[in-house]
Every structure is written in C-alpha cells, then in structure tokens.
N, C-alpha and C. Protein backbone atom coordinates (compact mmCIF):
# COMPACT_ATOMS: atom_id res chain seq x y z
N UNK A 1 0.82 -1.19 0.00
CA UNK A 1 0.00 0.00 0.00
C UNK A 1 0.87 1.26 0.00
N UNK A 2 2.07 1.18 0.58
CA UNK A 2 2.92 2.37 0.68
C UNK A 2 3.31 2.93 -0.67
N UNK A 3 3.50 2.07 -1.67
CA UNK A 3 3.91 2.57 -2.97
C UNK A 3 2.75 3.09 -3.80
N UNK A 4 1.52 2.92 -3.30
CA UNK A 4 0.33 3.38 -4.02
C UNK A 4 0.09 4.87 -3.82
N UNK A 5 0.44 5.38 -2.65
CA UNK A 5 0.16 6.77 -2.30
C UNK A 5 1.45 7.56 -2.16
N UNK A 6 1.47 8.73 -2.78
CA UNK A 6 2.65 9.59 -2.74
C UNK A 6 2.69 10.47 -1.50
N UNK A 7 1.54 10.76 -0.93
CA UNK A 7 1.43 11.70 0.18
C UNK A 7 1.48 10.94 1.52
N UNK A 8 2.30 11.43 2.42
CA UNK A 8 2.48 10.80 3.73
C UNK A 8 1.16 10.59 4.46
N UNK A 9 0.30 11.60 4.47
CA UNK A 9 -0.97 11.50 5.18
C UNK A 9 -1.84 10.39 4.61
N UNK A 10 -1.81 10.19 3.30
CA UNK A 10 -2.59 9.12 2.68
C UNK A 10 -2.07 7.75 3.12
N UNK A 11 -0.76 7.61 3.18
CA UNK A 11 -0.18 6.34 3.64
C UNK A 11 -0.53 6.08 5.09
N UNK A 12 -0.49 7.11 5.90
CA UNK A 12 -0.84 6.96 7.32
C UNK A 12 -2.30 6.54 7.48
N UNK A 13 -3.19 7.14 6.71
CA UNK A 13 -4.60 6.79 6.78
C UNK A 13 -4.81 5.33 6.37
N UNK A 14 -4.09 4.88 5.36
CA UNK A 14 -4.18 3.47 4.94
C UNK A 14 -3.74 2.56 6.08
N UNK A 15 -2.67 2.91 6.76
CA UNK A 15 -2.20 2.10 7.88
C UNK A 15 -3.21 2.08 9.01
N UNK A 16 -3.81 3.22 9.31
CA UNK A 16 -4.83 3.29 10.38
C UNK A 16 -5.98 2.36 10.05
N UNK A 17 -6.42 2.39 8.82
CA UNK A 17 -7.54 1.55 8.40
C UNK A 17 -7.18 0.07 8.46
N UNK A 18 -6.00 -0.29 8.02
CA UNK A 18 -5.61 -1.70 7.98
C UNK A 18 -5.24 -2.27 9.35
N UNK A 19 -4.85 -1.41 10.27
CA UNK A 19 -4.51 -1.88 11.62
C UNK A 19 -5.72 -2.45 12.34
N UNK A 20 -6.88 -1.87 12.12
CA UNK A 20 -8.11 -2.33 12.79
C UNK A 20 -9.28 -2.18 11.82
N UNK A 21 -9.35 -3.09 10.83
CA UNK A 21 -10.37 -2.93 9.77
C UNK A 21 -11.81 -3.03 10.26
N UNK A 22 -12.04 -3.62 11.41
CA UNK A 22 -13.41 -3.73 11.93
C UNK A 22 -13.84 -2.50 12.72
N UNK A 23 -12.89 -1.64 13.03
CA UNK A 23 -13.19 -0.45 13.83
C UNK A 23 -13.26 0.77 12.91
N UNK A 24 -14.30 1.59 13.05
CA UNK A 24 -14.38 2.81 12.22
C UNK A 24 -13.21 3.75 12.52
N UNK A 25 -12.73 4.41 11.49
CA UNK A 25 -11.62 5.35 11.65
C UNK A 25 -12.18 6.66 12.20
N UNK A 26 -11.55 7.16 13.25
CA UNK A 26 -11.94 8.44 13.83
C UNK A 26 -11.21 9.54 13.05
N UNK A 27 -11.90 10.09 12.04
CA UNK A 27 -11.25 11.10 11.19
C UNK A 27 -10.93 12.38 11.95
N UNK A 28 -11.72 12.72 12.97
CA UNK A 28 -11.42 13.91 13.76
C UNK A 28 -10.08 13.75 14.47
N UNK A 29 -9.86 12.60 15.07
CA UNK A 29 -8.60 12.33 15.74
C UNK A 29 -7.46 12.28 14.73
N UNK A 30 -7.70 11.66 13.59
CA UNK A 30 -6.68 11.60 12.55
C UNK A 30 -6.31 13.00 12.08
N UNK A 31 -7.31 13.84 11.86
CA UNK A 31 -7.06 15.22 11.40
C UNK A 31 -6.23 16.00 12.42
N UNK A 32 -6.56 15.83 13.70
CA UNK A 32 -5.81 16.53 14.74
C UNK A 32 -4.37 16.06 14.78
N UNK A 33 -4.16 14.76 14.66
CA UNK A 33 -2.81 14.22 14.71
C UNK A 33 -1.97 14.59 13.49
N UNK A 34 -2.60 14.66 12.33
CA UNK A 34 -1.89 14.98 11.09
C UNK A 34 -1.93 16.47 10.76
N UNK A 35 -2.70 17.22 11.51
CA UNK A 35 -2.88 18.66 11.31
C UNK A 35 -3.35 18.96 9.88
N UNK A 36 -4.44 18.29 9.49
CA UNK A 36 -5.06 18.53 8.19
C UNK A 36 -6.52 18.87 8.38
N UNK A 37 -7.12 19.43 7.36
CA UNK A 37 -8.53 19.81 7.40
C UNK A 37 -9.40 18.56 7.26
N UNK A 38 -10.55 18.52 7.97
CA UNK A 38 -11.45 17.37 7.89
C UNK A 38 -11.89 17.04 6.46
N UNK A 39 -12.13 18.05 5.65
CA UNK A 39 -12.56 17.81 4.27
C UNK A 39 -11.47 17.05 3.50
N UNK A 40 -10.22 17.40 3.74
CA UNK A 40 -9.11 16.70 3.07
C UNK A 40 -9.04 15.24 3.51
N UNK A 41 -9.28 14.99 4.81
CA UNK A 41 -9.27 13.62 5.32
C UNK A 41 -10.40 12.81 4.70
N UNK A 42 -11.56 13.40 4.53
CA UNK A 42 -12.69 12.71 3.91
C UNK A 42 -12.38 12.38 2.45
N UNK A 43 -11.76 13.30 1.75
CA UNK A 43 -11.36 13.05 0.36
C UNK A 43 -10.36 11.92 0.29
N UNK A 44 -9.40 11.92 1.20
CA UNK A 44 -8.39 10.86 1.23
C UNK A 44 -9.04 9.51 1.53
N UNK A 45 -10.01 9.49 2.45
CA UNK A 45 -10.69 8.24 2.79
C UNK A 45 -11.47 7.71 1.59
N UNK A 46 -12.15 8.57 0.87
CA UNK A 46 -12.89 8.14 -0.32
C UNK A 46 -11.94 7.54 -1.36
N UNK A 47 -10.82 8.20 -1.58
CA UNK A 47 -9.83 7.70 -2.53
C UNK A 47 -9.27 6.37 -2.06
N UNK A 48 -8.94 6.29 -0.79
CA UNK A 48 -8.38 5.07 -0.21
C UNK A 48 -9.33 3.89 -0.36
N UNK A 49 -10.59 4.08 -0.08
CA UNK A 49 -11.57 3.00 -0.21
C UNK A 49 -11.60 2.46 -1.63
N UNK A 50 -11.65 3.36 -2.59
CA UNK A 50 -11.70 2.94 -3.98
C UNK A 50 -10.45 2.18 -4.40
N UNK A 51 -9.29 2.69 -4.01
CA UNK A 51 -8.03 2.03 -4.36
C UNK A 51 -7.95 0.66 -3.72
N UNK A 52 -8.32 0.57 -2.44
CA UNK A 52 -8.25 -0.71 -1.75
C UNK A 52 -9.19 -1.73 -2.36
N UNK A 53 -10.40 -1.33 -2.70
CA UNK A 53 -11.33 -2.28 -3.30
C UNK A 53 -10.81 -2.78 -4.64
N UNK A 54 -10.25 -1.88 -5.43
CA UNK A 54 -9.70 -2.31 -6.73
C UNK A 54 -8.49 -3.22 -6.55
N UNK A 55 -7.59 -2.87 -5.63
CA UNK A 55 -6.40 -3.68 -5.41
C UNK A 55 -6.75 -5.06 -4.86
N UNK A 56 -7.61 -5.10 -3.86
CA UNK A 56 -7.99 -6.38 -3.27
C UNK A 56 -8.71 -7.23 -4.31
N UNK A 57 -9.58 -6.63 -5.08
CA UNK A 57 -10.26 -7.37 -6.14
C UNK A 57 -9.30 -7.93 -7.16
N UNK A 58 -8.33 -7.12 -7.57
CA UNK A 58 -7.35 -7.57 -8.57
C UNK A 58 -6.46 -8.67 -8.02
N UNK A 59 -6.04 -8.53 -6.78
CA UNK A 59 -5.14 -9.52 -6.18
C UNK A 59 -5.82 -10.85 -5.91
N UNK A 60 -7.12 -10.82 -5.62
CA UNK A 60 -7.84 -12.05 -5.31
C UNK A 60 -8.59 -12.60 -6.51
N UNK A 61 -8.60 -11.85 -7.62
CA UNK A 61 -9.34 -12.29 -8.79
C UNK A 61 -10.84 -12.18 -8.60
N UNK A 62 -11.25 -11.24 -7.77
CA UNK A 62 -12.66 -11.06 -7.43
C UNK A 62 -13.17 -9.76 -8.03
N UNK A 63 -14.38 -9.80 -8.54
CA UNK A 63 -15.03 -8.58 -9.01
C UNK A 63 -15.85 -8.01 -7.87
N UNK A 64 -15.63 -6.74 -7.57
CA UNK A 64 -16.35 -6.08 -6.50
C UNK A 64 -17.20 -4.99 -7.14
N UNK A 65 -18.50 -5.21 -7.18
CA UNK A 65 -19.41 -4.26 -7.79
C UNK A 65 -20.06 -3.42 -6.70
N UNK A 66 -19.82 -2.12 -6.74
CA UNK A 66 -20.37 -1.23 -5.73
C UNK A 66 -20.37 0.20 -6.26
N UNK A 67 -21.11 1.05 -5.61
CA UNK A 67 -21.10 2.46 -5.97
C UNK A 67 -19.90 3.13 -5.32
N UNK A 68 -19.55 4.31 -5.81
CA UNK A 68 -18.37 5.02 -5.30
C UNK A 68 -18.52 5.43 -3.84
N UNK A 69 -19.74 5.60 -3.36
CA UNK A 69 -19.94 6.08 -1.99
C UNK A 69 -20.07 4.93 -0.98
N UNK A 70 -19.85 3.72 -1.41
CA UNK A 70 -19.96 2.55 -0.53
C UNK A 70 -18.74 2.49 0.39
N UNK A 71 -18.98 2.23 1.68
CA UNK A 71 -17.89 2.09 2.62
C UNK A 71 -17.14 0.79 2.37
N UNK A 72 -15.87 0.77 2.68
CA UNK A 72 -15.06 -0.42 2.52
C UNK A 72 -15.51 -1.44 3.57
N UNK A 73 -16.00 -2.58 3.12
CA UNK A 73 -16.44 -3.59 4.10
C UNK A 73 -15.24 -4.13 4.88
N UNK A 74 -15.38 -4.28 6.18
CA UNK A 74 -14.27 -4.77 7.00
C UNK A 74 -13.81 -6.14 6.54
N UNK A 75 -14.74 -6.97 6.10
CA UNK A 75 -14.39 -8.32 5.68
C UNK A 75 -13.56 -8.32 4.40
N UNK A 76 -13.69 -7.28 3.61
CA UNK A 76 -12.89 -7.20 2.39
C UNK A 76 -11.43 -6.94 2.72
N UNK A 77 -11.19 -6.12 3.71
CA UNK A 77 -9.82 -5.83 4.13
C UNK A 77 -9.16 -7.06 4.75
N UNK A 78 -9.96 -7.97 5.27
CA UNK A 78 -9.43 -9.17 5.90
C UNK A 78 -9.47 -10.39 5.00
N UNK A 79 -9.85 -10.20 3.71
CA UNK A 79 -9.99 -11.33 2.79
C UNK A 79 -8.67 -12.06 2.64
N UNK A 80 -8.75 -13.39 2.63
CA UNK A 80 -7.56 -14.20 2.42
C UNK A 80 -7.27 -14.27 0.92
N UNK A 81 -6.01 -14.09 0.53
CA UNK A 81 -5.67 -14.23 -0.89
C UNK A 81 -5.86 -15.67 -1.33
N UNK A 82 -6.28 -15.85 -2.58
CA UNK A 82 -6.50 -17.20 -3.11
C UNK A 82 -5.22 -17.83 -3.54
C-alpha cells in the first residue's frame, strides 16, 4: 500500500484503516494528529476505499461491484488471498 500513495498523510490513513479494519476510523482524531482539514481527510478516505477495493479485487481475482460512496467492508480488508 505504501507505494500506491505519494502523500504521507494518505499512507498513514491506509495504515490506520488496515490496523483495525473492523473499527471505524476516527477522522477527527486523525485530522488533529496529522494537522489537516477534515474535508481533506474525507477526500483521502474516499480515494483510499476505492483504491483498496480495486487492489484487493485484482489480487484475489474477485469482481467487487459497488457504488463510489460505498464504505469499505471490513471483511474485504481481511480477505484471504486465493
């Protein structure tokens, strides 16, 4: 995931999400820690969800059909590779 994102904050958000995929990410706490605006964190989260769904789908050979505003399912982040 580190080579997917050029911006440090995006990589950090990916790590936060992957560390505890069943727990919702507290974007307010993340924004305070990274000193970024909440709107920027929301944009990064939307981008991250899309990238993760595409990467996990490609790596597992699975098609994931969903709308852009769909939250990343916790079970998808924990999917075992085939």
